mmCIF file of all heavy atoms, coordinates in Angstrom:
data_MODEL
# 
_entry.id   MODEL 
# 
loop_
_atom_site.group_PDB 
_atom_site.id 
_atom_site.type_symbol 
_atom_site.label_atom_id 
_atom_site.label_alt_id 
_atom_site.label_comp_id 
_atom_site.label_asym_id 
_atom_site.label_entity_id 
_atom_site.label_seq_id 
_atom_site.pdbx_PDB_ins_code 
_atom_site.Cartn_x 
_atom_site.Cartn_y 
_atom_site.Cartn_z 
_atom_site.occupancy 
_atom_site.B_iso_or_equiv 
_atom_site.pdbx_formal_charge 
_atom_site.auth_seq_id 
_atom_site.auth_comp_id 
_atom_site.auth_asym_id 
_atom_site.auth_atom_id 
_atom_site.pdbx_PDB_model_num 
ATOM 1   N N   . PRO A 1 1  ? 11.041 5.519  4.831   1.00 0.00 ? 1  PRO A N   1 
ATOM 2   C CA  . PRO A 1 1  ? 10.656 5.214  3.450   1.00 0.00 ? 1  PRO A CA  1 
ATOM 3   C C   . PRO A 1 1  ? 9.283  5.777  3.099   1.00 0.00 ? 1  PRO A C   1 
ATOM 4   O O   . PRO A 1 1  ? 8.492  6.116  3.987   1.00 0.00 ? 1  PRO A O   1 
ATOM 5   C CB  . PRO A 1 1  ? 10.656 3.676  3.420   1.00 0.00 ? 1  PRO A CB  1 
ATOM 6   C CG  . PRO A 1 1  ? 11.536 3.274  4.554   1.00 0.00 ? 1  PRO A CG  1 
ATOM 7   C CD  . PRO A 1 1  ? 11.323 4.309  5.613   1.00 0.00 ? 1  PRO A CD  1 
ATOM 8   N N   . LEU A 1 2  ? 9.014  5.857  1.820   1.00 0.00 ? 2  LEU A N   1 
ATOM 9   C CA  . LEU A 1 2  ? 7.767  6.454  1.332   1.00 0.00 ? 2  LEU A CA  1 
ATOM 10  C C   . LEU A 1 2  ? 6.554  5.580  1.613   1.00 0.00 ? 2  LEU A C   1 
ATOM 11  O O   . LEU A 1 2  ? 5.486  6.069  1.964   1.00 0.00 ? 2  LEU A O   1 
ATOM 12  C CB  . LEU A 1 2  ? 7.888  6.708  -0.180  1.00 0.00 ? 2  LEU A CB  1 
ATOM 13  C CG  . LEU A 1 2  ? 6.705  7.405  -0.855  1.00 0.00 ? 2  LEU A CG  1 
ATOM 14  C CD1 . LEU A 1 2  ? 6.629  8.866  -0.413  1.00 0.00 ? 2  LEU A CD1 1 
ATOM 15  C CD2 . LEU A 1 2  ? 6.831  7.326  -2.379  1.00 0.00 ? 2  LEU A CD2 1 
ATOM 16  N N   . TYR A 1 3  ? 6.718  4.267  1.460   1.00 0.00 ? 3  TYR A N   1 
ATOM 17  C CA  . TYR A 1 3  ? 5.580  3.356  1.599   1.00 0.00 ? 3  TYR A CA  1 
ATOM 18  C C   . TYR A 1 3  ? 5.887  2.259  2.611   1.00 0.00 ? 3  TYR A C   1 
ATOM 19  O O   . TYR A 1 3  ? 7.037  1.944  2.888   1.00 0.00 ? 3  TYR A O   1 
ATOM 20  C CB  . TYR A 1 3  ? 5.188  2.738  0.260   1.00 0.00 ? 3  TYR A CB  1 
ATOM 21  C CG  . TYR A 1 3  ? 6.320  2.063  -0.473  1.00 0.00 ? 3  TYR A CG  1 
ATOM 22  C CD1 . TYR A 1 3  ? 6.749  0.772  -0.141  1.00 0.00 ? 3  TYR A CD1 1 
ATOM 23  C CD2 . TYR A 1 3  ? 6.988  2.709  -1.517  1.00 0.00 ? 3  TYR A CD2 1 
ATOM 24  C CE1 . TYR A 1 3  ? 7.783  0.151  -0.808  1.00 0.00 ? 3  TYR A CE1 1 
ATOM 25  C CE2 . TYR A 1 3  ? 8.028  2.102  -2.192  1.00 0.00 ? 3  TYR A CE2 1 
ATOM 26  C CZ  . TYR A 1 3  ? 8.421  0.820  -1.834  1.00 0.00 ? 3  TYR A CZ  1 
ATOM 27  O OH  . TYR A 1 3  ? 9.456  0.215  -2.501  1.00 0.00 ? 3  TYR A OH  1 
ATOM 28  N N   . ASN A 1 4  ? 4.833  1.678  3.157   1.00 0.00 ? 4  ASN A N   1 
ATOM 29  C CA  . ASN A 1 4  ? 4.963  0.572  4.096   1.00 0.00 ? 4  ASN A CA  1 
ATOM 30  C C   . ASN A 1 4  ? 5.016  -0.747 3.349   1.00 0.00 ? 4  ASN A C   1 
ATOM 31  O O   . ASN A 1 4  ? 4.402  -0.900 2.285   1.00 0.00 ? 4  ASN A O   1 
ATOM 32  C CB  . ASN A 1 4  ? 3.789  0.554  5.073   1.00 0.00 ? 4  ASN A CB  1 
ATOM 33  C CG  . ASN A 1 4  ? 3.708  1.820  5.898   1.00 0.00 ? 4  ASN A CG  1 
ATOM 34  O OD1 . ASN A 1 4  ? 4.721  2.465  6.140   1.00 0.00 ? 4  ASN A OD1 1 
ATOM 35  N ND2 . ASN A 1 4  ? 2.508  2.195  6.312   1.00 0.00 ? 4  ASN A ND2 1 
ATOM 36  N N   . LEU A 1 5  ? 5.685  -1.721 3.910   1.00 0.00 ? 5  LEU A N   1 
ATOM 37  C CA  . LEU A 1 5  ? 5.862  -3.005 3.225   1.00 0.00 ? 5  LEU A CA  1 
ATOM 38  C C   . LEU A 1 5  ? 4.607  -3.865 3.206   1.00 0.00 ? 5  LEU A C   1 
ATOM 39  O O   . LEU A 1 5  ? 4.517  -4.813 2.430   1.00 0.00 ? 5  LEU A O   1 
ATOM 40  C CB  . LEU A 1 5  ? 7.013  -3.789 3.876   1.00 0.00 ? 5  LEU A CB  1 
ATOM 41  C CG  . LEU A 1 5  ? 8.400  -3.193 3.659   1.00 0.00 ? 5  LEU A CG  1 
ATOM 42  C CD1 . LEU A 1 5  ? 9.439  -3.973 4.438   1.00 0.00 ? 5  LEU A CD1 1 
ATOM 43  C CD2 . LEU A 1 5  ? 8.756  -3.153 2.187   1.00 0.00 ? 5  LEU A CD2 1 
ATOM 44  N N   . ASP A 1 6  ? 3.628  -3.554 4.056   1.00 0.00 ? 6  ASP A N   1 
ATOM 45  C CA  . ASP A 1 6  ? 2.428  -4.386 4.072   1.00 0.00 ? 6  ASP A CA  1 
ATOM 46  C C   . ASP A 1 6  ? 1.402  -3.954 3.021   1.00 0.00 ? 6  ASP A C   1 
ATOM 47  O O   . ASP A 1 6  ? 0.340  -4.570 2.888   1.00 0.00 ? 6  ASP A O   1 
ATOM 48  C CB  . ASP A 1 6  ? 1.783  -4.389 5.464   1.00 0.00 ? 6  ASP A CB  1 
ATOM 49  C CG  . ASP A 1 6  ? 1.459  -2.993 5.959   1.00 0.00 ? 6  ASP A CG  1 
ATOM 50  O OD1 . ASP A 1 6  ? 1.858  -2.025 5.284   1.00 0.00 ? 6  ASP A OD1 1 
ATOM 51  O OD2 . ASP A 1 6  ? 0.807  -2.875 7.014   1.00 0.00 ? 6  ASP A OD2 1 
ATOM 52  N N   . LEU A 1 7  ? 1.721  -2.937 2.236   1.00 0.00 ? 7  LEU A N   1 
ATOM 53  C CA  . LEU A 1 7  ? 0.843  -2.553 1.129   1.00 0.00 ? 7  LEU A CA  1 
ATOM 54  C C   . LEU A 1 7  ? 0.944  -3.580 0.006   1.00 0.00 ? 7  LEU A C   1 
ATOM 55  O O   . LEU A 1 7  ? 1.955  -4.262 -0.139  1.00 0.00 ? 7  LEU A O   1 
ATOM 56  C CB  . LEU A 1 7  ? 1.231  -1.177 0.589   1.00 0.00 ? 7  LEU A CB  1 
ATOM 57  C CG  . LEU A 1 7  ? 1.120  0.021  1.532   1.00 0.00 ? 7  LEU A CG  1 
ATOM 58  C CD1 . LEU A 1 7  ? 1.552  1.288  0.813   1.00 0.00 ? 7  LEU A CD1 1 
ATOM 59  C CD2 . LEU A 1 7  ? -0.302 0.176  2.058   1.00 0.00 ? 7  LEU A CD2 1 
ATOM 60  N N   . THR A 1 8  ? -0.092 -3.667 -0.807  1.00 0.00 ? 8  THR A N   1 
ATOM 61  C CA  . THR A 1 8  ? -0.033 -4.545 -1.979  1.00 0.00 ? 8  THR A CA  1 
ATOM 62  C C   . THR A 1 8  ? 0.884  -3.930 -3.027  1.00 0.00 ? 8  THR A C   1 
ATOM 63  O O   . THR A 1 8  ? 1.231  -2.738 -2.947  1.00 0.00 ? 8  THR A O   1 
ATOM 64  C CB  . THR A 1 8  ? -1.425 -4.745 -2.601  1.00 0.00 ? 8  THR A CB  1 
ATOM 65  O OG1 . THR A 1 8  ? -1.880 -3.483 -3.108  1.00 0.00 ? 8  THR A OG1 1 
ATOM 66  C CG2 . THR A 1 8  ? -2.408 -5.277 -1.573  1.00 0.00 ? 8  THR A CG2 1 
ATOM 67  N N   . ILE A 1 9  ? 1.264  -4.719 -4.028  1.00 0.00 ? 9  ILE A N   1 
ATOM 68  C CA  . ILE A 1 9  ? 2.114  -4.196 -5.102  1.00 0.00 ? 9  ILE A CA  1 
ATOM 69  C C   . ILE A 1 9  ? 1.423  -3.018 -5.789  1.00 0.00 ? 9  ILE A C   1 
ATOM 70  O O   . ILE A 1 9  ? 2.046  -1.989 -6.068  1.00 0.00 ? 9  ILE A O   1 
ATOM 71  C CB  . ILE A 1 9  ? 2.428  -5.299 -6.134  1.00 0.00 ? 9  ILE A CB  1 
ATOM 72  C CG1 . ILE A 1 9  ? 3.227  -6.421 -5.480  1.00 0.00 ? 9  ILE A CG1 1 
ATOM 73  C CG2 . ILE A 1 9  ? 3.207  -4.721 -7.315  1.00 0.00 ? 9  ILE A CG2 1 
ATOM 74  C CD1 . ILE A 1 9  ? 3.439  -7.614 -6.356  1.00 0.00 ? 9  ILE A CD1 1 
ATOM 75  N N   . GLN A 1 10 ? 0.128  -3.178 -6.048  1.00 0.00 ? 10 GLN A N   1 
ATOM 76  C CA  . GLN A 1 10 ? -0.609 -2.103 -6.701  1.00 0.00 ? 10 GLN A CA  1 
ATOM 77  C C   . GLN A 1 10 ? -0.591 -0.827 -5.863  1.00 0.00 ? 10 GLN A C   1 
ATOM 78  O O   . GLN A 1 10 ? -0.407 0.281  -6.386  1.00 0.00 ? 10 GLN A O   1 
ATOM 79  C CB  . GLN A 1 10 ? -2.070 -2.524 -6.943  1.00 0.00 ? 10 GLN A CB  1 
ATOM 80  C CG  . GLN A 1 10 ? -2.227 -3.654 -7.960  1.00 0.00 ? 10 GLN A CG  1 
ATOM 81  C CD  . GLN A 1 10 ? -2.347 -5.005 -7.300  1.00 0.00 ? 10 GLN A CD  1 
ATOM 82  O OE1 . GLN A 1 10 ? -1.576 -5.312 -6.385  1.00 0.00 ? 10 GLN A OE1 1 
ATOM 83  N NE2 . GLN A 1 10 ? -3.293 -5.809 -7.741  1.00 0.00 ? 10 GLN A NE2 1 
ATOM 84  N N   . GLU A 1 11 ? -0.773 -0.967 -4.553  1.00 0.00 ? 11 GLU A N   1 
ATOM 85  C CA  . GLU A 1 11 ? -0.798 0.196  -3.669  1.00 0.00 ? 11 GLU A CA  1 
ATOM 86  C C   . GLU A 1 11 ? 0.556  0.904  -3.621  1.00 0.00 ? 11 GLU A C   1 
ATOM 87  O O   . GLU A 1 11 ? 0.627  2.129  -3.573  1.00 0.00 ? 11 GLU A O   1 
ATOM 88  C CB  . GLU A 1 11 ? -1.235 -0.232 -2.268  1.00 0.00 ? 11 GLU A CB  1 
ATOM 89  C CG  . GLU A 1 11 ? -2.715 -0.608 -2.173  1.00 0.00 ? 11 GLU A CG  1 
ATOM 90  C CD  . GLU A 1 11 ? -3.074 -1.244 -0.837  1.00 0.00 ? 11 GLU A CD  1 
ATOM 91  O OE1 . GLU A 1 11 ? -2.184 -1.848 -0.192  1.00 0.00 ? 11 GLU A OE1 1 
ATOM 92  O OE2 . GLU A 1 11 ? -4.253 -1.146 -0.441  1.00 0.00 ? 11 GLU A OE2 1 
ATOM 93  N N   . LYS A 1 12 ? 1.627  0.111  -3.630  1.00 0.00 ? 12 LYS A N   1 
ATOM 94  C CA  . LYS A 1 12 ? 2.966  0.698  -3.627  1.00 0.00 ? 12 LYS A CA  1 
ATOM 95  C C   . LYS A 1 12 ? 3.208  1.486  -4.915  1.00 0.00 ? 12 LYS A C   1 
ATOM 96  O O   . LYS A 1 12 ? 3.735  2.603  -4.898  1.00 0.00 ? 12 LYS A O   1 
ATOM 97  C CB  . LYS A 1 12 ? 4.026  -0.389 -3.469  1.00 0.00 ? 12 LYS A CB  1 
ATOM 98  C CG  . LYS A 1 12 ? 4.033  -1.057 -2.102  1.00 0.00 ? 12 LYS A CG  1 
ATOM 99  C CD  . LYS A 1 12 ? 4.993  -2.235 -2.086  1.00 0.00 ? 12 LYS A CD  1 
ATOM 100 C CE  . LYS A 1 12 ? 4.931  -2.972 -0.753  1.00 0.00 ? 12 LYS A CE  1 
ATOM 101 N NZ  . LYS A 1 12 ? 5.741  -4.205 -0.756  1.00 0.00 ? 12 LYS A NZ  1 
ATOM 102 N N   . ILE A 1 13 ? 2.826  0.884  -6.042  1.00 0.00 ? 13 ILE A N   1 
ATOM 103 C CA  . ILE A 1 13 ? 3.002  1.544  -7.341  1.00 0.00 ? 13 ILE A CA  1 
ATOM 104 C C   . ILE A 1 13 ? 2.195  2.844  -7.389  1.00 0.00 ? 13 ILE A C   1 
ATOM 105 O O   . ILE A 1 13 ? 2.687  3.884  -7.849  1.00 0.00 ? 13 ILE A O   1 
ATOM 106 C CB  . ILE A 1 13 ? 2.594  0.606  -8.490  1.00 0.00 ? 13 ILE A CB  1 
ATOM 107 C CG1 . ILE A 1 13 ? 3.583  -0.565 -8.593  1.00 0.00 ? 13 ILE A CG1 1 
ATOM 108 C CG2 . ILE A 1 13 ? 2.525  1.361  -9.820  1.00 0.00 ? 13 ILE A CG2 1 
ATOM 109 C CD1 . ILE A 1 13 ? 3.163  -1.653 -9.576  1.00 0.00 ? 13 ILE A CD1 1 
ATOM 110 N N   . GLU A 1 14 ? 0.974  2.789  -6.907  1.00 0.00 ? 14 GLU A N   1 
ATOM 111 C CA  . GLU A 1 14 ? 0.109  3.977  -6.914  1.00 0.00 ? 14 GLU A CA  1 
ATOM 112 C C   . GLU A 1 14 ? 0.691  5.089  -6.037  1.00 0.00 ? 14 GLU A C   1 
ATOM 113 O O   . GLU A 1 14 ? 0.661  6.270  -6.409  1.00 0.00 ? 14 GLU A O   1 
ATOM 114 C CB  . GLU A 1 14 ? -1.293 3.600  -6.439  1.00 0.00 ? 14 GLU A CB  1 
ATOM 115 C CG  . GLU A 1 14 ? -2.100 2.833  -7.486  1.00 0.00 ? 14 GLU A CG  1 
ATOM 116 C CD  . GLU A 1 14 ? -3.429 2.333  -6.960  1.00 0.00 ? 14 GLU A CD  1 
ATOM 117 O OE1 . GLU A 1 14 ? -3.611 2.305  -5.716  1.00 0.00 ? 14 GLU A OE1 1 
ATOM 118 O OE2 . GLU A 1 14 ? -4.287 1.958  -7.782  1.00 0.00 ? 14 GLU A OE2 1 
ATOM 119 N N   . LYS A 1 15 ? 1.241  4.728  -4.891  1.00 0.00 ? 15 LYS A N   1 
ATOM 120 C CA  . LYS A 1 15 ? 1.812  5.727  -3.984  1.00 0.00 ? 15 LYS A CA  1 
ATOM 121 C C   . LYS A 1 15 ? 3.016  6.414  -4.622  1.00 0.00 ? 15 LYS A C   1 
ATOM 122 O O   . LYS A 1 15 ? 3.163  7.643  -4.563  1.00 0.00 ? 15 LYS A O   1 
ATOM 123 C CB  . LYS A 1 15 ? 2.203  5.070  -2.660  1.00 0.00 ? 15 LYS A CB  1 
ATOM 124 C CG  . LYS A 1 15 ? 2.513  6.070  -1.546  1.00 0.00 ? 15 LYS A CG  1 
ATOM 125 C CD  . LYS A 1 15 ? 2.604  5.391  -0.202  1.00 0.00 ? 15 LYS A CD  1 
ATOM 126 C CE  . LYS A 1 15 ? 2.815  6.403  0.931   1.00 0.00 ? 15 LYS A CE  1 
ATOM 127 N NZ  . LYS A 1 15 ? 1.636  7.263  1.137   1.00 0.00 ? 15 LYS A NZ  1 
ATOM 128 N N   . ILE A 1 16 ? 3.884  5.619  -5.251  1.00 0.00 ? 16 ILE A N   1 
ATOM 129 C CA  . ILE A 1 16 ? 5.049  6.188  -5.939  1.00 0.00 ? 16 ILE A CA  1 
ATOM 130 C C   . ILE A 1 16 ? 4.605  7.078  -7.100  1.00 0.00 ? 16 ILE A C   1 
ATOM 131 O O   . ILE A 1 16 ? 5.106  8.195  -7.277  1.00 0.00 ? 16 ILE A O   1 
ATOM 132 C CB  . ILE A 1 16 ? 5.982  5.078  -6.451  1.00 0.00 ? 16 ILE A CB  1 
ATOM 133 C CG1 . ILE A 1 16 ? 6.613  4.321  -5.272  1.00 0.00 ? 16 ILE A CG1 1 
ATOM 134 C CG2 . ILE A 1 16 ? 7.082  5.654  -7.332  1.00 0.00 ? 16 ILE A CG2 1 
ATOM 135 C CD1 . ILE A 1 16 ? 7.327  3.051  -5.671  1.00 0.00 ? 16 ILE A CD1 1 
ATOM 136 N N   . ALA A 1 17 ? 3.654  6.581  -7.890  1.00 0.00 ? 17 ALA A N   1 
ATOM 137 C CA  . ALA A 1 17 ? 3.186  7.330  -9.063  1.00 0.00 ? 17 ALA A CA  1 
ATOM 138 C C   . ALA A 1 17 ? 2.575  8.672  -8.661  1.00 0.00 ? 17 ALA A C   1 
ATOM 139 O O   . ALA A 1 17 ? 2.827  9.706  -9.299  1.00 0.00 ? 17 ALA A O   1 
ATOM 140 C CB  . ALA A 1 17 ? 2.173  6.495  -9.842  1.00 0.00 ? 17 ALA A CB  1 
ATOM 141 N N   . LYS A 1 18 ? 1.798  8.673  -7.591  1.00 0.00 ? 18 LYS A N   1 
ATOM 142 C CA  . LYS A 1 18 ? 1.117  9.898  -7.166  1.00 0.00 ? 18 LYS A CA  1 
ATOM 143 C C   . LYS A 1 18 ? 2.073  10.871 -6.468  1.00 0.00 ? 18 LYS A C   1 
ATOM 144 O O   . LYS A 1 18 ? 2.094  12.052 -6.776  1.00 0.00 ? 18 LYS A O   1 
ATOM 145 C CB  . LYS A 1 18 ? -0.045 9.555  -6.233  1.00 0.00 ? 18 LYS A CB  1 
ATOM 146 C CG  . LYS A 1 18 ? -1.228 8.892  -6.928  1.00 0.00 ? 18 LYS A CG  1 
ATOM 147 C CD  . LYS A 1 18 ? -2.324 8.562  -5.916  1.00 0.00 ? 18 LYS A CD  1 
ATOM 148 C CE  . LYS A 1 18 ? -3.522 7.898  -6.584  1.00 0.00 ? 18 LYS A CE  1 
ATOM 149 N NZ  . LYS A 1 18 ? -4.577 7.546  -5.588  1.00 0.00 ? 18 LYS A NZ  1 
ATOM 150 N N   . GLU A 1 19 ? 2.853  10.365 -5.512  1.00 0.00 ? 19 GLU A N   1 
ATOM 151 C CA  . GLU A 1 19 ? 3.660  11.256 -4.678  1.00 0.00 ? 19 GLU A CA  1 
ATOM 152 C C   . GLU A 1 19 ? 4.997  11.649 -5.302  1.00 0.00 ? 19 GLU A C   1 
ATOM 153 O O   . GLU A 1 19 ? 5.514  12.734 -5.021  1.00 0.00 ? 19 GLU A O   1 
ATOM 154 C CB  . GLU A 1 19 ? 3.887  10.607 -3.303  1.00 0.00 ? 19 GLU A CB  1 
ATOM 155 C CG  . GLU A 1 19 ? 2.589  10.394 -2.536  1.00 0.00 ? 19 GLU A CG  1 
ATOM 156 C CD  . GLU A 1 19 ? 2.813  10.300 -1.051  1.00 0.00 ? 19 GLU A CD  1 
ATOM 157 O OE1 . GLU A 1 19 ? 3.784  10.876 -0.544  1.00 0.00 ? 19 GLU A OE1 1 
ATOM 158 O OE2 . GLU A 1 19 ? 2.004  9.628  -0.394  1.00 0.00 ? 19 GLU A OE2 1 
ATOM 159 N N   . ILE A 1 20 ? 5.579  10.795 -6.123  1.00 0.00 ? 20 ILE A N   1 
ATOM 160 C CA  . ILE A 1 20 ? 6.882  11.105 -6.726  1.00 0.00 ? 20 ILE A CA  1 
ATOM 161 C C   . ILE A 1 20 ? 6.738  11.634 -8.155  1.00 0.00 ? 20 ILE A C   1 
ATOM 162 O O   . ILE A 1 20 ? 7.415  12.573 -8.555  1.00 0.00 ? 20 ILE A O   1 
ATOM 163 C CB  . ILE A 1 20 ? 7.804  9.872  -6.717  1.00 0.00 ? 20 ILE A CB  1 
ATOM 164 C CG1 . ILE A 1 20 ? 7.989  9.353  -5.283  1.00 0.00 ? 20 ILE A CG1 1 
ATOM 165 C CG2 . ILE A 1 20 ? 9.155  10.200 -7.352  1.00 0.00 ? 20 ILE A CG2 1 
ATOM 166 C CD1 . ILE A 1 20 ? 8.666  10.337 -4.336  1.00 0.00 ? 20 ILE A CD1 1 
ATOM 167 N N   . TYR A 1 21 ? 5.817  11.037 -8.929  1.00 0.00 ? 21 TYR A N   1 
ATOM 168 C CA  . TYR A 1 21 ? 5.673  11.440 -10.336 1.00 0.00 ? 21 TYR A CA  1 
ATOM 169 C C   . TYR A 1 21 ? 4.510  12.405 -10.576 1.00 0.00 ? 21 TYR A C   1 
ATOM 170 O O   . TYR A 1 21 ? 4.347  12.916 -11.675 1.00 0.00 ? 21 TYR A O   1 
ATOM 171 C CB  . TYR A 1 21 ? 5.517  10.214 -11.223 1.00 0.00 ? 21 TYR A CB  1 
ATOM 172 C CG  . TYR A 1 21 ? 6.775  9.379  -11.307 1.00 0.00 ? 21 TYR A CG  1 
ATOM 173 C CD1 . TYR A 1 21 ? 7.008  8.323  -10.424 1.00 0.00 ? 21 TYR A CD1 1 
ATOM 174 C CD2 . TYR A 1 21 ? 7.756  9.662  -12.253 1.00 0.00 ? 21 TYR A CD2 1 
ATOM 175 C CE1 . TYR A 1 21 ? 8.170  7.571  -10.487 1.00 0.00 ? 21 TYR A CE1 1 
ATOM 176 C CE2 . TYR A 1 21 ? 8.925  8.916  -12.319 1.00 0.00 ? 21 TYR A CE2 1 
ATOM 177 C CZ  . TYR A 1 21 ? 9.124  7.875  -11.438 1.00 0.00 ? 21 TYR A CZ  1 
ATOM 178 O OH  . TYR A 1 21 ? 10.286 7.135  -11.496 1.00 0.00 ? 21 TYR A OH  1 
ATOM 179 N N   . GLY A 1 22 ? 3.685  12.631 -9.546  1.00 0.00 ? 22 GLY A N   1 
ATOM 180 C CA  . GLY A 1 22 ? 2.586  13.572 -9.700  1.00 0.00 ? 22 GLY A CA  1 
ATOM 181 C C   . GLY A 1 22 ? 1.416  13.050 -10.499 1.00 0.00 ? 22 GLY A C   1 
ATOM 182 O O   . GLY A 1 22 ? 0.617  13.832 -11.036 1.00 0.00 ? 22 GLY A O   1 
ATOM 183 N N   . ALA A 1 23 ? 1.253  11.735 -10.585 1.00 0.00 ? 23 ALA A N   1 
ATOM 184 C CA  . ALA A 1 23 ? 0.143  11.151 -11.342 1.00 0.00 ? 23 ALA A CA  1 
ATOM 185 C C   . ALA A 1 23 ? -1.166 11.265 -10.561 1.00 0.00 ? 23 ALA A C   1 
ATOM 186 O O   . ALA A 1 23 ? -1.169 11.347 -9.326  1.00 0.00 ? 23 ALA A O   1 
ATOM 187 C CB  . ALA A 1 23 ? 0.433  9.676  -11.629 1.00 0.00 ? 23 ALA A CB  1 
ATOM 188 N N   . ASP A 1 24 ? -2.276 11.280 -11.273 1.00 0.00 ? 24 ASP A N   1 
ATOM 189 C CA  . ASP A 1 24 ? -3.593 11.288 -10.627 1.00 0.00 ? 24 ASP A CA  1 
ATOM 190 C C   . ASP A 1 24 ? -3.980 9.890  -10.153 1.00 0.00 ? 24 ASP A C   1 
ATOM 191 O O   . ASP A 1 24 ? -4.744 9.731  -9.204  1.00 0.00 ? 24 ASP A O   1 
ATOM 192 C CB  . ASP A 1 24 ? -4.659 11.803 -11.603 1.00 0.00 ? 24 ASP A CB  1 
ATOM 193 C CG  . ASP A 1 24 ? -4.441 13.275 -11.957 1.00 0.00 ? 24 ASP A CG  1 
ATOM 194 O OD1 . ASP A 1 24 ? -3.976 14.017 -11.075 1.00 0.00 ? 24 ASP A OD1 1 
ATOM 195 O OD2 . ASP A 1 24 ? -4.729 13.657 -13.092 1.00 0.00 ? 24 ASP A OD2 1 
ATOM 196 N N   . GLY A 1 25 ? -3.462 8.900  -10.834 1.00 0.00 ? 25 GLY A N   1 
ATOM 197 C CA  . GLY A 1 25 ? -3.774 7.517  -10.505 1.00 0.00 ? 25 GLY A CA  1 
ATOM 198 C C   . GLY A 1 25 ? -3.050 6.588  -11.460 1.00 0.00 ? 25 GLY A C   1 
ATOM 199 O O   . GLY A 1 25 ? -2.286 7.031  -12.312 1.00 0.00 ? 25 GLY A O   1 
# 
C-alpha cells in the first residue's frame, strides 16, 4: 500500500494528495 496505517489522518491525506494527485501540499 501507499501509506502506513500508523500515520495520522492528515498525513495519509497529504501523502495521497502529493503522490497520486501531484499536489504541493
